[in-house]
Amino acid sequence: MYTTGDPDVVVMEWSVAGTVVRTGSTYAMRYAAFVTFRSGEIATYREYWNPQVFLTALDGQGF
């Protein structure tokens, strides 16, 4: 978690590793989220990740 110059904004980064059961393919995904709080509640939430990593792990089989 990263703080910003704004006490109501937080940037978070995390990663997930797993195996797609259907294909047996492994994947490692990194995520980043930008969260804005107002009055102690989440006002906005934006998350970024690379869908190509997930699609590659699906090995062309789709969802």
C-alpha atoms as a PDB file:
ATOM      1  CA  MET A   1       0.000   0.000   0.000  1.00  0.00           C
ATOM      2  CA  TYR A   2       1.280   3.429  -0.910  1.00  0.00           C
ATOM      3  CA  THR A   3       0.238   6.754   0.538  1.00  0.00           C
ATOM      4  CA  THR A   4      -0.155   9.818  -1.613  1.00  0.00           C
ATOM      5  CA  GLY A   5      -0.094  13.551  -0.991  1.00  0.00           C
ATOM      6  CA  ASP A   6      -3.857  13.330  -0.484  1.00  0.00           C
ATOM      7  CA  PRO A   7      -4.887  11.637   2.805  1.00  0.00           C
ATOM      8  CA  ASP A   8      -8.084  10.407   1.117  1.00  0.00           C
ATOM      9  CA  VAL A   9      -6.281   8.555  -1.712  1.00  0.00           C
ATOM     10  CA  VAL A  10      -4.483   5.220  -1.400  1.00  0.00           C
ATOM     11  CA  VAL A  11      -2.670   3.207  -4.072  1.00  0.00           C
ATOM     12  CA  MET A  12      -2.436  -0.546  -3.539  1.00  0.00           C
ATOM     13  CA  GLU A  13      -0.438  -3.124  -5.440  1.00  0.00           C
ATOM     14  CA  TRP A  14      -0.596  -6.903  -5.097  1.00  0.00           C
ATOM     15  CA  SER A  15       0.036 -10.085  -7.002  1.00  0.00           C
ATOM     16  CA  VAL A  16      -1.688 -13.441  -7.354  1.00  0.00           C
ATOM     17  CA  ALA A  17      -0.324 -16.742  -8.612  1.00  0.00           C
ATOM     18  CA  GLY A  18      -2.414 -19.756  -9.462  1.00  0.00           C
ATOM     19  CA  THR A  19      -3.269 -22.579 -11.792  1.00  0.00           C
ATOM     20  CA  VAL A  20      -6.207 -22.671 -14.191  1.00  0.00           C
ATOM     21  CA  VAL A  21      -7.916 -25.968 -13.350  1.00  0.00           C
ATOM     22  CA  ARG A  22      -9.289 -26.529 -16.845  1.00  0.00           C
ATOM     23  CA  THR A  23      -5.975 -26.042 -18.671  1.00  0.00           C
ATOM     24  CA  GLY A  24      -3.364 -26.740 -15.986  1.00  0.00           C
ATOM     25  CA  SER A  25      -1.625 -23.519 -17.025  1.00  0.00           C
ATOM     26  CA  THR A  26      -0.062 -21.393 -14.340  1.00  0.00           C
ATOM     27  CA  TYR A  27      -0.256 -17.635 -14.188  1.00  0.00           C
ATOM     28  CA  ALA A  28       1.109 -14.777 -12.134  1.00  0.00           C
ATOM     29  CA  MET A  29      -0.927 -11.592 -12.185  1.00  0.00           C
ATOM     30  CA  ARG A  30      -0.102  -8.158 -10.763  1.00  0.00           C
ATOM     31  CA  TYR A  31      -2.817  -5.693  -9.839  1.00  0.00           C
ATOM     32  CA  ALA A  32      -2.887  -2.002  -8.929  1.00  0.00           C
ATOM     33  CA  ALA A  33      -5.844  -0.208  -7.372  1.00  0.00           C
ATOM     34  CA  PHE A  34      -6.463   3.469  -6.726  1.00  0.00           C
ATOM     35  CA  VAL A  35      -8.984   4.140  -3.973  1.00  0.00           C
ATOM     36  CA  THR A  36     -10.498   7.463  -2.908  1.00  0.00           C
ATOM     37  CA  PHE A  37     -12.282   7.755   0.440  1.00  0.00           C
ATOM     38  CA  ARG A  38     -14.894  10.303   1.513  1.00  0.00           C
ATOM     39  CA  SER A  39     -16.306  10.381   5.032  1.00  0.00           C
ATOM     40  CA  GLY A  40     -14.630   7.054   5.789  1.00  0.00           C
ATOM     41  CA  GLU A  41     -16.261   5.247   2.858  1.00  0.00           C
ATOM     42  CA  ILE A  42     -14.935   4.259  -0.561  1.00  0.00           C
ATOM     43  CA  ALA A  43     -15.919   6.957  -3.058  1.00  0.00           C
ATOM     44  CA  THR A  44     -14.035   5.608  -6.090  1.00  0.00           C
ATOM     45  CA  TYR A  45     -12.175   2.389  -6.836  1.00  0.00           C
ATOM     46  CA  ARG A  46     -10.138   1.834  -9.992  1.00  0.00           C
ATOM     47  CA  GLU A  47      -8.301  -1.426 -10.574  1.00  0.00           C
ATOM     48  CA  TYR A  48      -5.793  -2.222 -13.298  1.00  0.00           C
ATOM     49  CA  TRP A  49      -4.482  -5.600 -14.462  1.00  0.00           C
ATOM     50  CA  ASN A  50      -3.294  -7.216 -17.655  1.00  0.00           C
ATOM     51  CA  PRO A  51      -6.051  -9.369 -19.181  1.00  0.00           C
ATOM     52  CA  GLN A  52      -3.551 -10.877 -21.611  1.00  0.00           C
ATOM     53  CA  VAL A  53      -1.915 -12.805 -18.748  1.00  0.00           C
ATOM     54  CA  PHE A  54      -5.254 -14.413 -17.884  1.00  0.00           C
ATOM     55  CA  LEU A  55      -6.162 -15.134 -21.507  1.00  0.00           C
ATOM     56  CA  THR A  56      -2.781 -16.785 -22.057  1.00  0.00           C
ATOM     57  CA  ALA A  57      -3.345 -18.998 -19.015  1.00  0.00           C
ATOM     58  CA  LEU A  58      -6.736 -20.035 -20.460  1.00  0.00           C
ATOM     59  CA  ASP A  59      -4.814 -21.341 -23.461  1.00  0.00           C
ATOM     60  CA  GLY A  60      -7.433 -20.130 -25.934  1.00  0.00           C
ATOM     61  CA  GLN A  61     -10.304 -21.980 -24.219  1.00  0.00           C
ATOM     62  CA  GLY A  62     -12.188 -18.882 -23.076  1.00  0.00           C
ATOM     63  CA  PHE A  63     -14.229 -18.589 -19.894  1.00  0.00           C
END
